[in-house]
Amino acid sequence: MPGYFLAVHLNATETENRHDTLMMINGGVACLGQIAFEQGWETEAIDETFTGSEEPVEEIVSQKIDRALTQSQRAIVVGFSVLEYNARRSIELAQKLREKFGDHIKLIAGGQ
């Protein structure tokens, strides 16, 4: 049964020059979102560099999950695009989301 897929790519304060995304959302996040969309899932992608908000990414992600949970009983999947520079933050955010949402969300991670 299709559901909601939220793809997340975190930036890193120690990384000033992002070579994977110069003018657009992270390629991995965009690809995962497109695949989920083609399978009938509602999808959103968040690349922290391009959120358009000063709000911490944890709050942005949590709000989107809250909205998805109130609008649907379908599966909520949060996927992380993980590279060496953002692995620690990705794991920390995944742990916080697991604590907050428990079994209401499924977490996946992948990357180079």
N, C-alpha and C. Protein backbone atom coordinates (compact mmCIF):
# COMPACT_ATOMS: atom_id res chain seq x y z
N MET A 1 0.85 -1.18 0.00
CA MET A 1 0.00 0.00 0.00
C MET A 1 0.89 1.24 0.00
N PRO A 2 0.74 2.13 -0.96
CA PRO A 2 1.54 3.35 -1.00
C PRO A 2 1.34 4.19 0.25
N GLY A 3 2.32 4.98 0.55
CA GLY A 3 2.27 5.83 1.73
C GLY A 3 2.96 7.14 1.49
N TYR A 4 3.63 7.62 2.51
CA TYR A 4 4.31 8.91 2.48
C TYR A 4 5.80 8.66 2.65
N PHE A 5 6.60 9.19 1.73
CA PHE A 5 8.05 9.02 1.79
C PHE A 5 8.70 10.39 1.91
N LEU A 6 9.48 10.57 2.96
CA LEU A 6 10.20 11.81 3.20
C LEU A 6 11.69 11.53 3.09
N ALA A 7 12.34 12.12 2.10
CA ALA A 7 13.77 11.92 1.90
C ALA A 7 14.52 13.11 2.48
N VAL A 8 15.57 12.84 3.26
CA VAL A 8 16.28 13.88 3.99
C VAL A 8 17.78 13.82 3.70
N HIS A 9 18.36 14.99 3.40
CA HIS A 9 19.82 15.10 3.28
C HIS A 9 20.25 16.26 4.16
N LEU A 10 21.12 15.97 5.13
CA LEU A 10 21.59 16.99 6.05
C LEU A 10 22.90 17.59 5.58
N ASN A 11 23.03 18.88 5.77
CA ASN A 11 24.27 19.57 5.48
C ASN A 11 25.20 19.38 6.68
N ALA A 12 26.37 19.94 6.63
CA ALA A 12 27.29 19.87 7.76
C ALA A 12 27.96 21.22 7.92
N THR A 13 28.03 21.70 9.14
CA THR A 13 28.62 23.02 9.37
C THR A 13 30.09 23.04 8.97
N GLU A 14 30.75 21.89 9.08
CA GLU A 14 32.16 21.85 8.71
C GLU A 14 32.38 21.74 7.21
N THR A 15 31.32 21.61 6.44
CA THR A 15 31.44 21.47 5.00
C THR A 15 30.86 22.71 4.33
N GLU A 16 31.72 23.60 3.93
CA GLU A 16 31.26 24.83 3.30
C GLU A 16 30.97 24.64 1.81
N ASN A 17 31.73 23.80 1.14
CA ASN A 17 31.58 23.61 -0.30
C ASN A 17 30.94 22.25 -0.57
N ARG A 18 29.66 22.27 -0.91
CA ARG A 18 28.95 21.04 -1.25
C ARG A 18 29.13 20.80 -2.73
N HIS A 19 29.73 19.69 -3.10
CA HIS A 19 29.94 19.39 -4.51
C HIS A 19 28.83 18.51 -5.09
N ASP A 20 27.97 17.95 -4.22
CA ASP A 20 26.88 17.12 -4.73
C ASP A 20 25.68 17.95 -5.14
N THR A 21 25.55 19.14 -4.60
CA THR A 21 24.42 20.00 -4.96
C THR A 21 24.91 21.43 -5.06
N LEU A 22 25.01 21.91 -6.23
CA LEU A 22 25.41 23.30 -6.41
C LEU A 22 24.19 24.19 -6.65
N MET A 23 23.24 23.72 -7.43
CA MET A 23 22.09 24.54 -7.77
C MET A 23 20.76 23.83 -7.54
N MET A 24 20.79 22.65 -6.95
CA MET A 24 19.55 21.89 -6.82
C MET A 24 19.63 20.96 -5.63
N ILE A 25 18.52 20.33 -5.33
CA ILE A 25 18.45 19.41 -4.20
C ILE A 25 19.39 18.23 -4.42
N ASN A 26 19.86 17.65 -3.34
CA ASN A 26 20.78 16.50 -3.40
C ASN A 26 20.26 15.44 -4.36
N GLY A 27 21.15 14.95 -5.22
CA GLY A 27 20.75 13.98 -6.24
C GLY A 27 20.17 12.70 -5.68
N GLY A 28 20.76 12.18 -4.60
CA GLY A 28 20.24 10.95 -3.99
C GLY A 28 18.84 11.13 -3.45
N VAL A 29 18.62 12.25 -2.78
CA VAL A 29 17.30 12.56 -2.24
C VAL A 29 16.29 12.70 -3.36
N ALA A 30 16.67 13.39 -4.42
CA ALA A 30 15.77 13.58 -5.55
C ALA A 30 15.43 12.25 -6.22
N CYS A 31 16.42 11.38 -6.39
CA CYS A 31 16.18 10.08 -7.01
C CYS A 31 15.25 9.21 -6.17
N LEU A 32 15.52 9.14 -4.87
CA LEU A 32 14.66 8.34 -4.00
C LEU A 32 13.22 8.85 -4.01
N GLY A 33 13.07 10.17 -3.97
CA GLY A 33 11.73 10.75 -4.02
C GLY A 33 11.02 10.42 -5.31
N GLN A 34 11.72 10.47 -6.43
CA GLN A 34 11.12 10.16 -7.72
C GLN A 34 10.69 8.70 -7.81
N ILE A 35 11.54 7.81 -7.33
CA ILE A 35 11.19 6.38 -7.34
C ILE A 35 9.94 6.13 -6.51
N ALA A 36 9.89 6.71 -5.31
CA ALA A 36 8.71 6.53 -4.45
C ALA A 36 7.47 7.12 -5.13
N PHE A 37 7.61 8.28 -5.74
CA PHE A 37 6.49 8.92 -6.44
C PHE A 37 5.96 8.03 -7.56
N GLU A 38 6.87 7.46 -8.32
CA GLU A 38 6.46 6.59 -9.43
C GLU A 38 5.76 5.33 -8.94
N GLN A 39 5.98 4.96 -7.70
CA GLN A 39 5.31 3.79 -7.11
C GLN A 39 4.01 4.18 -6.42
N GLY A 40 3.60 5.42 -6.56
CA GLY A 40 2.31 5.85 -6.02
C GLY A 40 2.38 6.46 -4.63
N TRP A 41 3.57 6.72 -4.12
CA TRP A 41 3.72 7.31 -2.80
C TRP A 41 3.64 8.83 -2.89
N GLU A 42 3.12 9.45 -1.85
CA GLU A 42 3.26 10.89 -1.70
C GLU A 42 4.69 11.12 -1.23
N THR A 43 5.40 12.03 -1.86
CA THR A 43 6.82 12.20 -1.51
C THR A 43 7.16 13.66 -1.27
N GLU A 44 8.12 13.85 -0.39
CA GLU A 44 8.72 15.16 -0.17
C GLU A 44 10.20 14.92 0.05
N ALA A 45 11.00 15.89 -0.35
CA ALA A 45 12.44 15.81 -0.17
C ALA A 45 12.92 17.06 0.55
N ILE A 46 13.82 16.85 1.50
CA ILE A 46 14.38 17.97 2.25
C ILE A 46 15.90 17.88 2.16
N ASP A 47 16.49 18.86 1.51
CA ASP A 47 17.94 19.03 1.54
C ASP A 47 18.14 20.24 2.43
N GLU A 48 18.83 20.03 3.53
CA GLU A 48 18.96 21.10 4.53
C GLU A 48 19.50 22.40 3.95
N THR A 49 20.32 22.31 2.92
CA THR A 49 20.87 23.51 2.29
C THR A 49 19.78 24.34 1.63
N PHE A 50 18.69 23.68 1.21
CA PHE A 50 17.66 24.35 0.43
C PHE A 50 16.28 24.30 1.08
N THR A 51 16.22 24.43 2.42
CA THR A 51 14.91 24.37 3.07
C THR A 51 14.12 25.65 2.90
N GLY A 52 14.80 26.76 2.68
CA GLY A 52 14.11 28.04 2.59
C GLY A 52 13.65 28.54 3.94
N SER A 53 14.21 27.99 5.01
CA SER A 53 13.78 28.36 6.35
C SER A 53 14.98 28.40 7.28
N GLU A 54 14.89 29.25 8.28
CA GLU A 54 15.93 29.29 9.33
C GLU A 54 15.62 28.28 10.43
N GLU A 55 14.45 27.68 10.36
CA GLU A 55 14.03 26.71 11.37
C GLU A 55 14.94 25.49 11.33
N PRO A 56 15.30 24.96 12.50
CA PRO A 56 16.15 23.75 12.52
C PRO A 56 15.51 22.61 11.73
N VAL A 57 16.33 21.87 11.01
CA VAL A 57 15.80 20.81 10.15
C VAL A 57 15.02 19.77 10.95
N GLU A 58 15.40 19.52 12.19
CA GLU A 58 14.65 18.56 13.01
C GLU A 58 13.19 18.98 13.15
N GLU A 59 12.96 20.28 13.35
CA GLU A 59 11.59 20.77 13.47
C GLU A 59 10.84 20.65 12.15
N ILE A 60 11.50 20.97 11.05
CA ILE A 60 10.87 20.88 9.74
C ILE A 60 10.45 19.44 9.46
N VAL A 61 11.37 18.50 9.69
CA VAL A 61 11.08 17.08 9.45
C VAL A 61 9.95 16.60 10.36
N SER A 62 10.02 16.97 11.64
CA SER A 62 8.98 16.54 12.59
C SER A 62 7.61 17.06 12.20
N GLN A 63 7.55 18.32 11.75
CA GLN A 63 6.26 18.89 11.33
C GLN A 63 5.69 18.14 10.13
N LYS A 64 6.55 17.80 9.18
CA LYS A 64 6.08 17.07 8.00
C LYS A 64 5.59 15.68 8.39
N ILE A 65 6.27 15.02 9.31
CA ILE A 65 5.83 13.70 9.76
C ILE A 65 4.51 13.82 10.51
N ASP A 66 4.40 14.80 11.41
CA ASP A 66 3.15 15.03 12.14
C ASP A 66 1.98 15.22 11.18
N ARG A 67 2.20 16.05 10.15
CA ARG A 67 1.15 16.32 9.16
C ARG A 67 0.76 15.04 8.43
N ALA A 68 1.76 14.26 8.03
CA ALA A 68 1.49 13.02 7.31
C ALA A 68 0.73 12.04 8.19
N LEU A 69 1.08 11.96 9.46
CA LEU A 69 0.39 11.04 10.38
C LEU A 69 -1.05 11.44 10.62
N THR A 70 -1.34 12.73 10.64
CA THR A 70 -2.72 13.16 10.86
C THR A 70 -3.58 13.02 9.61
N GLN A 71 -2.94 13.06 8.43
CA GLN A 71 -3.70 13.00 7.19
C GLN A 71 -3.88 11.59 6.65
N SER A 72 -3.13 10.64 7.16
CA SER A 72 -3.18 9.32 6.56
C SER A 72 -2.80 8.24 7.55
N GLN A 73 -3.36 7.08 7.38
CA GLN A 73 -2.97 5.92 8.18
C GLN A 73 -1.97 5.06 7.42
N ARG A 74 -1.52 5.54 6.28
CA ARG A 74 -0.59 4.78 5.46
C ARG A 74 0.81 4.82 6.06
N ALA A 75 1.69 4.02 5.51
CA ALA A 75 3.08 3.95 5.98
C ALA A 75 3.77 5.31 5.83
N ILE A 76 4.55 5.66 6.84
CA ILE A 76 5.37 6.86 6.81
C ILE A 76 6.82 6.39 6.82
N VAL A 77 7.55 6.67 5.75
CA VAL A 77 8.94 6.24 5.63
C VAL A 77 9.81 7.49 5.54
N VAL A 78 10.87 7.51 6.36
CA VAL A 78 11.82 8.61 6.33
C VAL A 78 13.16 8.02 5.89
N GLY A 79 13.64 8.48 4.75
CA GLY A 79 14.91 7.98 4.22
C GLY A 79 15.99 9.03 4.32
N PHE A 80 17.17 8.62 4.73
CA PHE A 80 18.30 9.53 4.87
C PHE A 80 19.34 9.25 3.80
N SER A 81 19.77 10.31 3.14
CA SER A 81 20.89 10.25 2.21
C SER A 81 22.14 10.57 3.04
N VAL A 82 22.99 9.56 3.23
CA VAL A 82 24.10 9.69 4.17
C VAL A 82 25.44 9.67 3.44
N LEU A 83 26.24 10.68 3.72
CA LEU A 83 27.61 10.75 3.26
C LEU A 83 28.51 10.84 4.49
N GLU A 84 29.79 10.75 4.30
CA GLU A 84 30.70 10.78 5.46
C GLU A 84 30.49 12.03 6.31
N TYR A 85 30.32 13.19 5.66
CA TYR A 85 30.25 14.43 6.42
C TYR A 85 28.95 14.61 7.20
N ASN A 86 27.90 13.89 6.86
CA ASN A 86 26.64 14.08 7.58
C ASN A 86 26.17 12.83 8.32
N ALA A 87 27.00 11.82 8.37
CA ALA A 87 26.58 10.54 8.98
C ALA A 87 26.20 10.70 10.45
N ARG A 88 27.03 11.38 11.22
CA ARG A 88 26.74 11.54 12.65
C ARG A 88 25.42 12.27 12.87
N ARG A 89 25.22 13.38 12.16
CA ARG A 89 23.97 14.13 12.32
C ARG A 89 22.77 13.33 11.85
N SER A 90 22.95 12.55 10.79
CA SER A 90 21.84 11.73 10.30
C SER A 90 21.43 10.69 11.34
N ILE A 91 22.41 10.05 11.94
CA ILE A 91 22.12 9.06 12.98
C ILE A 91 21.44 9.71 14.17
N GLU A 92 21.95 10.86 14.58
CA GLU A 92 21.35 11.56 15.72
C GLU A 92 19.90 11.96 15.43
N LEU A 93 19.65 12.46 14.23
CA LEU A 93 18.28 12.85 13.88
C LEU A 93 17.39 11.61 13.80
N ALA A 94 17.88 10.54 13.23
CA ALA A 94 17.09 9.30 13.16
C ALA A 94 16.73 8.82 14.56
N GLN A 95 17.66 8.88 15.49
CA GLN A 95 17.38 8.45 16.87
C GLN A 95 16.31 9.33 17.51
N LYS A 96 16.40 10.65 17.29
CA LYS A 96 15.39 11.56 17.86
C LYS A 96 14.01 11.28 17.26
N LEU A 97 13.97 11.03 15.96
CA LEU A 97 12.68 10.74 15.32
C LEU A 97 12.11 9.43 15.83
N ARG A 98 12.95 8.43 16.03
CA ARG A 98 12.50 7.14 16.56
C ARG A 98 11.93 7.32 17.96
N GLU A 99 12.61 8.13 18.79
CA GLU A 99 12.12 8.39 20.15
C GLU A 99 10.77 9.11 20.11
N LYS A 100 10.63 10.05 19.21
CA LYS A 100 9.40 10.86 19.15
C LYS A 100 8.23 10.11 18.52
N PHE A 101 8.49 9.38 17.42
CA PHE A 101 7.40 8.79 16.66
C PHE A 101 7.28 7.27 16.80
N GLY A 102 8.28 6.64 17.40
CA GLY A 102 8.23 5.20 17.65
C GLY A 102 7.95 4.39 16.39
N ASP A 103 7.04 3.44 16.50
CA ASP A 103 6.72 2.54 15.40
C ASP A 103 5.82 3.15 14.34
N HIS A 104 5.48 4.42 14.48
CA HIS A 104 4.63 5.08 13.49
C HIS A 104 5.41 5.45 12.23
N ILE A 105 6.73 5.36 12.30
CA ILE A 105 7.55 5.66 11.13
C ILE A 105 8.54 4.52 10.89
N LYS A 106 8.95 4.39 9.65
CA LYS A 106 10.02 3.46 9.27
C LYS A 106 11.19 4.31 8.82
N LEU A 107 12.39 3.96 9.26
CA LEU A 107 13.58 4.71 8.90
C LEU A 107 14.47 3.85 8.01
N ILE A 108 14.98 4.50 6.96
CA ILE A 108 15.96 3.83 6.10
C ILE A 108 17.10 4.81 5.86
N ALA A 109 18.27 4.27 5.55
CA ALA A 109 19.42 5.12 5.27
C ALA A 109 20.25 4.48 4.17
N GLY A 110 20.86 5.32 3.38
CA GLY A 110 21.73 4.83 2.33
C GLY A 110 22.62 5.96 1.87
N GLY A 111 23.60 5.63 1.11
CA GLY A 111 24.49 6.67 0.61
C GLY A 111 25.79 6.05 0.15
N GLN A 112 26.72 6.91 -0.08
CA GLN A 112 27.98 6.45 -0.64
C GLN A 112 28.77 5.70 0.40
